[in-house]
Amino acid sequence: MNIRAADVDDVAGISELLVSVWKSSYRDFVPVSFLESLSVEKQIVRHRQYMKKGVKYILIEGSDSIIGFASYGKSRFESHRDASELYSLYVDSGKQKEGYGTALLNHV
């Protein structure tokens, strides 16, 4: 299992994974119209903006794609300024419950 820091060159893969996970994991919980409105292109813009603002990303790579990623940064709460805050954590729907999410969380 290879966990590494992500950079701007990874944003497309991160965005593809996020949209894929939303469409498979949340299809029974959010309106179909919302899921259909999700686009990789919009996510690419968002993640690039987040990186420019200092949000950190880590990812786990498979042989040909990103298996999972997490984003994190400084806590937004005054009482926890010395701590990191997990902003997001996504694991490919076909790879969930195999320890990848735990590995990302432990790394953060």
N, C-alpha and C. Protein backbone atom coordinates (compact mmCIF):
# COMPACT_ATOMS: atom_id res chain seq x y z
N MET A 1 0.86 -1.18 0.00
CA MET A 1 0.00 0.00 0.00
C MET A 1 0.90 1.23 0.00
N ASN A 2 0.77 2.05 -1.02
CA ASN A 2 1.59 3.24 -1.15
C ASN A 2 0.75 4.49 -0.86
N ILE A 3 1.02 5.12 0.27
CA ILE A 3 0.37 6.39 0.60
C ILE A 3 1.39 7.49 0.34
N ARG A 4 0.96 8.51 -0.38
CA ARG A 4 1.87 9.61 -0.66
C ARG A 4 1.11 10.92 -0.72
N ALA A 5 1.86 12.00 -0.59
CA ALA A 5 1.26 13.33 -0.74
C ALA A 5 0.82 13.52 -2.19
N ALA A 6 -0.32 14.10 -2.37
CA ALA A 6 -0.82 14.39 -3.71
C ALA A 6 -0.39 15.80 -4.10
N ASP A 7 -0.32 16.03 -5.40
CA ASP A 7 -0.03 17.36 -5.89
C ASP A 7 -1.00 17.71 -7.01
N VAL A 8 -0.81 18.85 -7.61
CA VAL A 8 -1.75 19.34 -8.61
C VAL A 8 -1.89 18.38 -9.79
N ASP A 9 -0.86 17.60 -10.08
CA ASP A 9 -0.96 16.62 -11.17
C ASP A 9 -1.92 15.48 -10.85
N ASP A 10 -2.29 15.31 -9.60
CA ASP A 10 -3.20 14.25 -9.17
C ASP A 10 -4.66 14.69 -9.11
N VAL A 11 -4.90 15.96 -9.34
CA VAL A 11 -6.25 16.50 -9.14
C VAL A 11 -7.29 15.85 -10.04
N ALA A 12 -6.96 15.54 -11.27
CA ALA A 12 -7.94 14.91 -12.16
C ALA A 12 -8.35 13.54 -11.62
N GLY A 13 -7.39 12.73 -11.21
CA GLY A 13 -7.70 11.41 -10.66
C GLY A 13 -8.50 11.49 -9.36
N ILE A 14 -8.14 12.44 -8.52
CA ILE A 14 -8.87 12.67 -7.27
C ILE A 14 -10.32 13.04 -7.59
N SER A 15 -10.50 13.92 -8.55
CA SER A 15 -11.84 14.39 -8.92
C SER A 15 -12.67 13.27 -9.53
N GLU A 16 -12.06 12.44 -10.36
CA GLU A 16 -12.77 11.30 -10.95
C GLU A 16 -13.23 10.34 -9.87
N LEU A 17 -12.38 10.08 -8.90
CA LEU A 17 -12.74 9.18 -7.81
C LEU A 17 -13.89 9.76 -6.98
N LEU A 18 -13.81 11.03 -6.64
CA LEU A 18 -14.85 11.66 -5.84
C LEU A 18 -16.21 11.56 -6.52
N VAL A 19 -16.28 11.89 -7.79
CA VAL A 19 -17.55 11.84 -8.52
C VAL A 19 -18.06 10.40 -8.59
N SER A 20 -17.17 9.46 -8.85
CA SER A 20 -17.56 8.06 -8.92
C SER A 20 -18.12 7.56 -7.59
N VAL A 21 -17.46 7.90 -6.49
CA VAL A 21 -17.92 7.45 -5.17
C VAL A 21 -19.27 8.07 -4.84
N TRP A 22 -19.43 9.36 -5.11
CA TRP A 22 -20.72 9.99 -4.86
C TRP A 22 -21.83 9.29 -5.64
N LYS A 23 -21.60 9.03 -6.90
CA LYS A 23 -22.64 8.44 -7.75
C LYS A 23 -22.98 7.01 -7.35
N SER A 24 -22.03 6.28 -6.79
CA SER A 24 -22.33 4.91 -6.39
C SER A 24 -22.79 4.82 -4.93
N SER A 25 -22.16 5.56 -4.05
CA SER A 25 -22.45 5.42 -2.62
C SER A 25 -23.68 6.19 -2.15
N TYR A 26 -24.01 7.27 -2.81
CA TYR A 26 -25.10 8.14 -2.33
C TYR A 26 -26.35 8.09 -3.20
N ARG A 27 -26.41 7.16 -4.15
CA ARG A 27 -27.53 7.13 -5.09
C ARG A 27 -28.87 6.92 -4.40
N ASP A 28 -28.88 6.28 -3.24
CA ASP A 28 -30.14 6.05 -2.52
C ASP A 28 -30.44 7.14 -1.49
N PHE A 29 -29.56 8.14 -1.39
CA PHE A 29 -29.70 9.13 -0.32
C PHE A 29 -29.86 10.57 -0.80
N VAL A 30 -29.43 10.85 -1.99
CA VAL A 30 -29.53 12.22 -2.52
C VAL A 30 -30.24 12.17 -3.87
N PRO A 31 -30.86 13.27 -4.25
CA PRO A 31 -31.59 13.28 -5.52
C PRO A 31 -30.69 12.94 -6.72
N VAL A 32 -31.25 12.18 -7.65
CA VAL A 32 -30.54 11.81 -8.87
C VAL A 32 -30.08 13.05 -9.61
N SER A 33 -30.90 14.10 -9.60
CA SER A 33 -30.54 15.34 -10.32
C SER A 33 -29.25 15.93 -9.77
N PHE A 34 -29.04 15.84 -8.46
CA PHE A 34 -27.80 16.33 -7.88
C PHE A 34 -26.62 15.48 -8.34
N LEU A 35 -26.78 14.17 -8.29
CA LEU A 35 -25.69 13.28 -8.71
C LEU A 35 -25.34 13.49 -10.18
N GLU A 36 -26.35 13.70 -10.99
CA GLU A 36 -26.10 13.93 -12.42
C GLU A 36 -25.41 15.27 -12.66
N SER A 37 -25.58 16.21 -11.73
CA SER A 37 -24.96 17.52 -11.90
C SER A 37 -23.48 17.53 -11.52
N LEU A 38 -23.03 16.49 -10.84
CA LEU A 38 -21.61 16.42 -10.46
C LEU A 38 -20.75 16.25 -11.70
N SER A 39 -19.69 17.02 -11.77
CA SER A 39 -18.79 16.88 -12.92
C SER A 39 -17.34 16.86 -12.46
N VAL A 40 -16.57 16.06 -13.14
CA VAL A 40 -15.14 15.97 -12.85
C VAL A 40 -14.49 17.33 -13.06
N GLU A 41 -14.88 18.03 -14.10
CA GLU A 41 -14.29 19.33 -14.41
C GLU A 41 -14.48 20.33 -13.28
N LYS A 42 -15.69 20.38 -12.70
CA LYS A 42 -15.95 21.29 -11.59
C LYS A 42 -15.12 20.89 -10.36
N GLN A 43 -14.99 19.59 -10.14
CA GLN A 43 -14.21 19.12 -9.00
C GLN A 43 -12.72 19.45 -9.18
N ILE A 44 -12.23 19.36 -10.39
CA ILE A 44 -10.83 19.73 -10.64
C ILE A 44 -10.58 21.16 -10.22
N VAL A 45 -11.47 22.06 -10.61
CA VAL A 45 -11.34 23.48 -10.24
C VAL A 45 -11.36 23.62 -8.72
N ARG A 46 -12.30 22.95 -8.05
CA ARG A 46 -12.41 23.05 -6.59
C ARG A 46 -11.15 22.56 -5.89
N HIS A 47 -10.64 21.40 -6.29
CA HIS A 47 -9.47 20.84 -5.61
C HIS A 47 -8.23 21.68 -5.87
N ARG A 48 -8.10 22.24 -7.05
CA ARG A 48 -6.96 23.14 -7.31
C ARG A 48 -7.04 24.37 -6.41
N GLN A 49 -8.26 24.91 -6.24
CA GLN A 49 -8.43 26.07 -5.36
C GLN A 49 -8.08 25.70 -3.92
N TYR A 50 -8.54 24.53 -3.48
CA TYR A 50 -8.24 24.10 -2.11
C TYR A 50 -6.74 23.96 -1.91
N MET A 51 -6.05 23.38 -2.88
CA MET A 51 -4.60 23.22 -2.76
C MET A 51 -3.90 24.57 -2.66
N LYS A 52 -4.38 25.54 -3.44
CA LYS A 52 -3.79 26.88 -3.39
C LYS A 52 -3.99 27.52 -2.02
N LYS A 53 -5.08 27.13 -1.34
CA LYS A 53 -5.37 27.67 0.00
C LYS A 53 -4.65 26.90 1.10
N GLY A 54 -3.87 25.89 0.73
CA GLY A 54 -3.10 25.17 1.73
C GLY A 54 -3.68 23.85 2.19
N VAL A 55 -4.79 23.43 1.61
CA VAL A 55 -5.34 22.12 1.97
C VAL A 55 -4.38 21.05 1.45
N LYS A 56 -4.11 20.08 2.30
CA LYS A 56 -3.20 18.99 1.94
C LYS A 56 -4.00 17.77 1.53
N TYR A 57 -3.45 17.03 0.60
CA TYR A 57 -4.08 15.80 0.11
C TYR A 57 -3.07 14.67 0.19
N ILE A 58 -3.56 13.50 0.58
CA ILE A 58 -2.78 12.28 0.47
C ILE A 58 -3.61 11.28 -0.31
N LEU A 59 -2.93 10.32 -0.93
CA LEU A 59 -3.68 9.34 -1.70
C LEU A 59 -3.02 7.98 -1.63
N ILE A 60 -3.82 6.98 -1.96
CA ILE A 60 -3.34 5.62 -2.11
C ILE A 60 -3.51 5.27 -3.57
N GLU A 61 -2.43 4.81 -4.17
CA GLU A 61 -2.47 4.45 -5.58
C GLU A 61 -2.59 2.95 -5.77
N GLY A 62 -3.36 2.58 -6.79
CA GLY A 62 -3.38 1.21 -7.25
C GLY A 62 -2.47 1.12 -8.46
N SER A 63 -2.54 0.04 -9.18
CA SER A 63 -1.66 -0.13 -10.33
C SER A 63 -1.98 0.84 -11.46
N ASP A 64 -3.24 1.23 -11.58
CA ASP A 64 -3.61 2.12 -12.69
C ASP A 64 -4.54 3.26 -12.31
N SER A 65 -4.82 3.42 -11.02
CA SER A 65 -5.72 4.49 -10.61
C SER A 65 -5.55 4.78 -9.12
N ILE A 66 -6.22 5.83 -8.69
CA ILE A 66 -6.21 6.20 -7.28
C ILE A 66 -7.28 5.38 -6.57
N ILE A 67 -6.89 4.69 -5.50
CA ILE A 67 -7.83 3.88 -4.73
C ILE A 67 -8.58 4.73 -3.72
N GLY A 68 -7.91 5.71 -3.14
CA GLY A 68 -8.55 6.56 -2.15
C GLY A 68 -7.72 7.80 -1.90
N PHE A 69 -8.37 8.79 -1.29
CA PHE A 69 -7.65 10.01 -0.92
C PHE A 69 -8.30 10.64 0.29
N ALA A 70 -7.53 11.47 0.94
CA ALA A 70 -8.03 12.27 2.06
C ALA A 70 -7.49 13.68 1.90
N SER A 71 -8.29 14.64 2.34
CA SER A 71 -7.81 16.03 2.39
C SER A 71 -7.89 16.49 3.84
N TYR A 72 -6.94 17.35 4.21
CA TYR A 72 -6.87 17.79 5.60
C TYR A 72 -6.09 19.09 5.69
N GLY A 73 -6.17 19.71 6.84
CA GLY A 73 -5.44 20.94 7.09
C GLY A 73 -5.59 21.34 8.54
N LYS A 74 -5.29 22.58 8.80
CA LYS A 74 -5.41 23.09 10.17
C LYS A 74 -6.88 23.10 10.58
N SER A 75 -7.09 22.86 11.85
CA SER A 75 -8.44 22.89 12.38
C SER A 75 -9.06 24.27 12.20
N ARG A 76 -10.34 24.28 11.89
CA ARG A 76 -11.07 25.54 11.75
C ARG A 76 -11.62 26.03 13.07
N PHE A 77 -11.39 25.26 14.15
CA PHE A 77 -11.93 25.60 15.45
C PHE A 77 -10.85 26.21 16.34
N GLU A 78 -11.13 27.35 16.91
CA GLU A 78 -10.16 28.04 17.76
C GLU A 78 -9.65 27.16 18.88
N SER A 79 -10.51 26.37 19.47
CA SER A 79 -10.12 25.54 20.60
C SER A 79 -9.21 24.37 20.21
N HIS A 80 -9.03 24.15 18.91
CA HIS A 80 -8.21 23.04 18.43
C HIS A 80 -7.19 23.50 17.38
N ARG A 81 -6.66 24.69 17.54
CA ARG A 81 -5.74 25.25 16.56
C ARG A 81 -4.47 24.44 16.35
N ASP A 82 -4.08 23.65 17.32
CA ASP A 82 -2.86 22.86 17.19
C ASP A 82 -3.11 21.50 16.53
N ALA A 83 -4.35 21.21 16.19
CA ALA A 83 -4.70 19.91 15.62
C ALA A 83 -4.97 20.02 14.13
N SER A 84 -4.89 18.88 13.47
CA SER A 84 -5.30 18.80 12.07
C SER A 84 -6.78 18.45 12.02
N GLU A 85 -7.42 18.83 10.93
CA GLU A 85 -8.82 18.48 10.73
C GLU A 85 -8.94 17.73 9.41
N LEU A 86 -9.62 16.60 9.46
CA LEU A 86 -9.90 15.83 8.26
C LEU A 86 -11.06 16.50 7.53
N TYR A 87 -10.85 16.89 6.28
CA TYR A 87 -11.91 17.55 5.51
C TYR A 87 -12.69 16.55 4.66
N SER A 88 -12.00 15.58 4.09
CA SER A 88 -12.69 14.58 3.27
C SER A 88 -11.88 13.30 3.23
N LEU A 89 -12.58 12.19 2.99
CA LEU A 89 -11.94 10.90 2.85
C LEU A 89 -12.82 10.07 1.92
N TYR A 90 -12.24 9.63 0.82
CA TYR A 90 -12.97 8.85 -0.18
C TYR A 90 -12.16 7.62 -0.56
N VAL A 91 -12.84 6.49 -0.66
CA VAL A 91 -12.22 5.25 -1.12
C VAL A 91 -13.10 4.68 -2.22
N ASP A 92 -12.46 4.22 -3.28
CA ASP A 92 -13.18 3.62 -4.41
C ASP A 92 -14.22 2.63 -3.89
N SER A 93 -15.42 2.69 -4.44
CA SER A 93 -16.53 1.86 -3.96
C SER A 93 -16.20 0.37 -3.98
N GLY A 94 -15.42 -0.07 -4.94
CA GLY A 94 -15.05 -1.48 -5.03
C GLY A 94 -13.93 -1.88 -4.10
N LYS A 95 -13.34 -0.92 -3.40
CA LYS A 95 -12.21 -1.20 -2.50
C LYS A 95 -12.53 -0.88 -1.04
N GLN A 96 -13.78 -0.51 -0.77
CA GLN A 96 -14.15 -0.17 0.60
C GLN A 96 -14.13 -1.41 1.48
N LYS A 97 -13.92 -1.20 2.76
CA LYS A 97 -13.85 -2.25 3.79
C LYS A 97 -12.63 -3.15 3.63
N GLU A 98 -11.56 -2.59 3.03
CA GLU A 98 -10.31 -3.33 2.88
C GLU A 98 -9.17 -2.66 3.64
N GLY A 99 -9.48 -1.65 4.46
CA GLY A 99 -8.48 -0.99 5.28
C GLY A 99 -7.87 0.26 4.70
N TYR A 100 -8.26 0.64 3.49
CA TYR A 100 -7.69 1.84 2.87
C TYR A 100 -8.10 3.12 3.59
N GLY A 101 -9.36 3.22 3.97
CA GLY A 101 -9.83 4.39 4.69
C GLY A 101 -9.14 4.53 6.04
N THR A 102 -8.97 3.43 6.72
CA THR A 102 -8.27 3.45 8.01
C THR A 102 -6.82 3.90 7.82
N ALA A 103 -6.18 3.40 6.78
CA ALA A 103 -4.80 3.79 6.52
C ALA A 103 -4.69 5.29 6.24
N LEU A 104 -5.62 5.82 5.47
CA LEU A 104 -5.60 7.26 5.18
C LEU A 104 -5.84 8.05 6.46
N LEU A 105 -6.83 7.64 7.23
CA LEU A 105 -7.13 8.34 8.48
C LEU A 105 -5.94 8.31 9.43
N ASN A 106 -5.30 7.18 9.57
CA ASN A 106 -4.14 7.10 10.44
C ASN A 106 -3.01 7.98 9.95
N HIS A 107 -2.85 8.10 8.65
CA HIS A 107 -1.79 8.95 8.10
C HIS A 107 -2.05 10.43 8.41
N VAL A 108 -3.31 10.84 8.28
CA VAL A 108 -3.68 12.22 8.59
C VAL A 108 -3.41 12.48 10.06
